[in-house]
Amino acid sequence: MKIQLLAMLYCLALPHLAFAEDVPSELEKLASGVEAECNDYAVTLSRAKFIKDKREGAESSVTEHKEFFQNKKQQCFLVQSYLILEFVKEASSDEAWQELDGDTLLVNALNKLVDTL
C-alpha cells in the first residue's frame, strides 16, 4: 500500500513542486506516516473485534482476524488517499486539477473504498 501511495504522491505533487532535494524524502515520510497510522488503526480495531467476539462467544479463526485486519488497513489507506486527493484539489488550480484528471482519481478512490464495505 505504501508503494501505491508514494506513486500517487509523486504523480500528484511533482508537477506542481519545484524540484528540490527534500521533496522525495518528504513524500516518503508522508507515505510512511500513513502506513504506520493505518497499521495502528487496523491493529486497534482488530483487538476490539477479538474482544467483542470473545464476549459474545463467537468462534473466529486466525484467518478471519487477518482478513478483518487487512480490510481495515486497506480502508484506512483508501480514506487517507482520498483525503490527500481532496487536499491536492484544494491546493491546485482548476487547470492543474483538470490536467491530472483529478475528479476521475477522486471517483476511483471512492469506488475502491466502496468495494471494501
C-alpha atoms as a PDB file:
ATOM      1  CA  MET A   1       0.000   0.000   0.000  1.00  0.00           C
ATOM      2  CA  LYS A   2       2.830   2.375   0.817  1.00  0.00           C
ATOM      3  CA  ILE A   3       4.215   1.996  -2.705  1.00  0.00           C
ATOM      4  CA  GLN A   4       0.805   2.832  -4.189  1.00  0.00           C
ATOM      5  CA  LEU A   5       0.553   5.927  -2.028  1.00  0.00           C
ATOM      6  CA  LEU A   6       4.089   7.014  -2.902  1.00  0.00           C
ATOM      7  CA  ALA A   7       3.378   6.602  -6.602  1.00  0.00           C
ATOM      8  CA  MET A   8       0.204   8.662  -6.287  1.00  0.00           C
ATOM      9  CA  LEU A   9       2.001  11.353  -4.290  1.00  0.00           C
ATOM     10  CA  TYR A  10       4.808  11.597  -6.819  1.00  0.00           C
ATOM     11  CA  CYS A  11       2.363  11.858  -9.702  1.00  0.00           C
ATOM     12  CA  LEU A  12       0.295  14.494  -7.950  1.00  0.00           C
ATOM     13  CA  ALA A  13       2.976  16.542  -6.273  1.00  0.00           C
ATOM     14  CA  LEU A  14       5.983  16.612  -8.539  1.00  0.00           C
ATOM     15  CA  PRO A  15       4.420  18.518 -11.441  1.00  0.00           C
ATOM     16  CA  HIS A  16       3.410  21.265  -9.016  1.00  0.00           C
ATOM     17  CA  LEU A  17       6.556  21.499  -6.942  1.00  0.00           C
ATOM     18  CA  ALA A  18       9.901  22.975  -7.746  1.00  0.00           C
ATOM     19  CA  PHE A  19      12.451  20.202  -7.934  1.00  0.00           C
ATOM     20  CA  ALA A  20      14.140  20.187  -4.591  1.00  0.00           C
ATOM     21  CA  GLU A  21      16.228  17.532  -2.954  1.00  0.00           C
ATOM     22  CA  ASP A  22      13.912  17.159   0.007  1.00  0.00           C
ATOM     23  CA  VAL A  23      10.664  16.608  -1.953  1.00  0.00           C
ATOM     24  CA  PRO A  24      11.102  12.826  -2.381  1.00  0.00           C
ATOM     25  CA  SER A  25      12.112  12.391   1.259  1.00  0.00           C
ATOM     26  CA  GLU A  26       9.118  14.436   2.425  1.00  0.00           C
ATOM     27  CA  LEU A  27       6.774  12.322   0.299  1.00  0.00           C
ATOM     28  CA  GLU A  28       8.414   9.186   1.704  1.00  0.00           C
ATOM     29  CA  LYS A  29       7.819  10.474   5.245  1.00  0.00           C
ATOM     30  CA  LEU A  30       4.178  11.216   4.442  1.00  0.00           C
ATOM     31  CA  ALA A  31       3.632   7.755   2.954  1.00  0.00           C
ATOM     32  CA  SER A  32       5.394   6.092   5.897  1.00  0.00           C
ATOM     33  CA  GLY A  33       3.240   8.067   8.307  1.00  0.00           C
ATOM     34  CA  VAL A  34       0.054   6.983   6.562  1.00  0.00           C
ATOM     35  CA  GLU A  35       1.259   3.371   6.521  1.00  0.00           C
ATOM     36  CA  ALA A  36       2.036   3.432  10.258  1.00  0.00           C
ATOM     37  CA  GLU A  37      -1.191   5.231  11.128  1.00  0.00           C
ATOM     38  CA  CYS A  38      -3.306   2.776   9.158  1.00  0.00           C
ATOM     39  CA  ASN A  39      -1.478  -0.177  10.687  1.00  0.00           C
ATOM     40  CA  ASP A  40      -2.139   1.140  14.207  1.00  0.00           C
ATOM     41  CA  TYR A  41      -5.774   1.802  13.315  1.00  0.00           C
ATOM     42  CA  ALA A  42      -6.264  -1.728  11.981  1.00  0.00           C
ATOM     43  CA  VAL A  43      -4.486  -3.319  14.964  1.00  0.00           C
ATOM     44  CA  THR A  44      -6.711  -1.436  17.405  1.00  0.00           C
ATOM     45  CA  LEU A  45      -9.915  -2.367  15.575  1.00  0.00           C
ATOM     46  CA  SER A  46      -8.783  -5.991  15.317  1.00  0.00           C
ATOM     47  CA  ARG A  47      -8.159  -6.135  19.062  1.00  0.00           C
ATOM     48  CA  ALA A  48     -11.575  -4.637  19.747  1.00  0.00           C
ATOM     49  CA  LYS A  49     -13.246  -7.115  17.399  1.00  0.00           C
ATOM     50  CA  PHE A  50     -11.413 -10.022  19.032  1.00  0.00           C
ATOM     51  CA  ILE A  51     -12.643  -8.892  22.468  1.00  0.00           C
ATOM     52  CA  LYS A  52     -16.193  -8.422  21.165  1.00  0.00           C
ATOM     53  CA  ASP A  53     -16.194 -11.854  19.518  1.00  0.00           C
ATOM     54  CA  LYS A  54     -14.884 -13.442  22.706  1.00  0.00           C
ATOM     55  CA  ARG A  55     -17.541 -11.727  24.850  1.00  0.00           C
ATOM     56  CA  GLU A  56     -20.263 -12.924  22.501  1.00  0.00           C
ATOM     57  CA  GLY A  57     -18.866 -16.454  22.459  1.00  0.00           C
ATOM     58  CA  ALA A  58     -18.279 -16.270  18.728  1.00  0.00           C
ATOM     59  CA  GLU A  59     -15.681 -18.528  17.217  1.00  0.00           C
ATOM     60  CA  SER A  60     -13.395 -16.781  14.781  1.00  0.00           C
ATOM     61  CA  SER A  61     -10.321 -18.149  13.101  1.00  0.00           C
ATOM     62  CA  VAL A  62      -6.905 -16.580  12.750  1.00  0.00           C
ATOM     63  CA  THR A  63      -7.649 -16.255   9.036  1.00  0.00           C
ATOM     64  CA  GLU A  64     -10.816 -14.272   9.758  1.00  0.00           C
ATOM     65  CA  HIS A  65      -8.906 -11.937  12.063  1.00  0.00           C
ATOM     66  CA  LYS A  66      -6.171 -11.453   9.465  1.00  0.00           C
ATOM     67  CA  GLU A  67      -8.763 -10.700   6.798  1.00  0.00           C
ATOM     68  CA  PHE A  68     -10.502  -8.221   9.115  1.00  0.00           C
ATOM     69  CA  PHE A  69      -7.159  -6.542   9.860  1.00  0.00           C
ATOM     70  CA  GLN A  70      -6.236  -6.299   6.166  1.00  0.00           C
ATOM     71  CA  ASN A  71      -9.669  -4.921   5.288  1.00  0.00           C
ATOM     72  CA  LYS A  72      -9.495  -2.213   7.952  1.00  0.00           C
ATOM     73  CA  LYS A  73      -5.944  -1.293   6.975  1.00  0.00           C
ATOM     74  CA  GLN A  74      -6.961  -1.037   3.321  1.00  0.00           C
ATOM     75  CA  GLN A  75      -9.998   1.084   4.213  1.00  0.00           C
ATOM     76  CA  CYS A  76      -7.805   3.449   6.217  1.00  0.00           C
ATOM     77  CA  PHE A  77      -5.315   3.672   3.360  1.00  0.00           C
ATOM     78  CA  LEU A  78      -8.076   4.426   0.860  1.00  0.00           C
ATOM     79  CA  VAL A  79      -9.606   7.079   3.113  1.00  0.00           C
ATOM     80  CA  GLN A  80      -6.200   8.732   3.549  1.00  0.00           C
ATOM     81  CA  SER A  81      -5.587   8.581  -0.209  1.00  0.00           C
ATOM     82  CA  TYR A  82      -8.966  10.178  -0.836  1.00  0.00           C
ATOM     83  CA  LEU A  83      -8.259  12.935   1.691  1.00  0.00           C
ATOM     84  CA  ILE A  84      -4.865  13.601   0.109  1.00  0.00           C
ATOM     85  CA  LEU A  85      -6.574  13.927  -3.267  1.00  0.00           C
ATOM     86  CA  GLU A  86      -9.076  16.365  -1.751  1.00  0.00           C
ATOM     87  CA  PHE A  87      -6.169  18.377  -0.330  1.00  0.00           C
ATOM     88  CA  VAL A  88      -4.415  18.411  -3.710  1.00  0.00           C
ATOM     89  CA  LYS A  89      -7.668  19.530  -5.344  1.00  0.00           C
ATOM     90  CA  GLU A  90      -7.964  22.464  -2.952  1.00  0.00           C
ATOM     91  CA  ALA A  91      -4.294  23.377  -3.395  1.00  0.00           C
ATOM     92  CA  SER A  92      -4.317  23.116  -7.202  1.00  0.00           C
ATOM     93  CA  SER A  93      -5.603  25.469  -9.819  1.00  0.00           C
ATOM     94  CA  ASP A  94      -8.643  24.277 -11.770  1.00  0.00           C
ATOM     95  CA  GLU A  95      -6.445  23.859 -14.830  1.00  0.00           C
ATOM     96  CA  ALA A  96      -3.863  21.749 -12.999  1.00  0.00           C
ATOM     97  CA  TRP A  97      -6.599  19.620 -11.426  1.00  0.00           C
ATOM     98  CA  GLN A  98      -8.149  19.005 -14.841  1.00  0.00           C
ATOM     99  CA  GLU A  99      -4.741  18.078 -16.283  1.00  0.00           C
ATOM    100  CA  LEU A 100      -4.413  15.451 -13.565  1.00  0.00           C
ATOM    101  CA  ASP A 101      -7.937  14.229 -14.314  1.00  0.00           C
ATOM    102  CA  GLY A 102      -8.382  14.730 -10.600  1.00  0.00           C
ATOM    103  CA  ASP A 103     -12.139  14.224 -10.478  1.00  0.00           C
ATOM    104  CA  THR A 104     -11.686  10.779 -12.021  1.00  0.00           C
ATOM    105  CA  LEU A 105      -8.993   9.991  -9.447  1.00  0.00           C
ATOM    106  CA  LEU A 106     -11.372  11.011  -6.652  1.00  0.00           C
ATOM    107  CA  VAL A 107     -14.222   8.898  -8.029  1.00  0.00           C
ATOM    108  CA  ASN A 108     -11.903   5.907  -8.486  1.00  0.00           C
ATOM    109  CA  ALA A 109     -10.566   6.252  -4.933  1.00  0.00           C
ATOM    110  CA  LEU A 110     -14.094   6.422  -3.546  1.00  0.00           C
ATOM    111  CA  ASN A 111     -15.207   3.432  -5.626  1.00  0.00           C
ATOM    112  CA  LYS A 112     -12.280   1.380  -4.304  1.00  0.00           C
ATOM    113  CA  LEU A 113     -13.361   2.286  -0.778  1.00  0.00           C
ATOM    114  CA  VAL A 114     -16.969   1.328  -1.527  1.00  0.00           C
ATOM    115  CA  ASP A 115     -15.734  -2.077  -2.723  1.00  0.00           C
ATOM    116  CA  THR A 116     -14.258  -2.761   0.733  1.00  0.00           C
ATOM    117  CA  LEU A 117     -17.548  -2.215   2.559  1.00  0.00           C
END
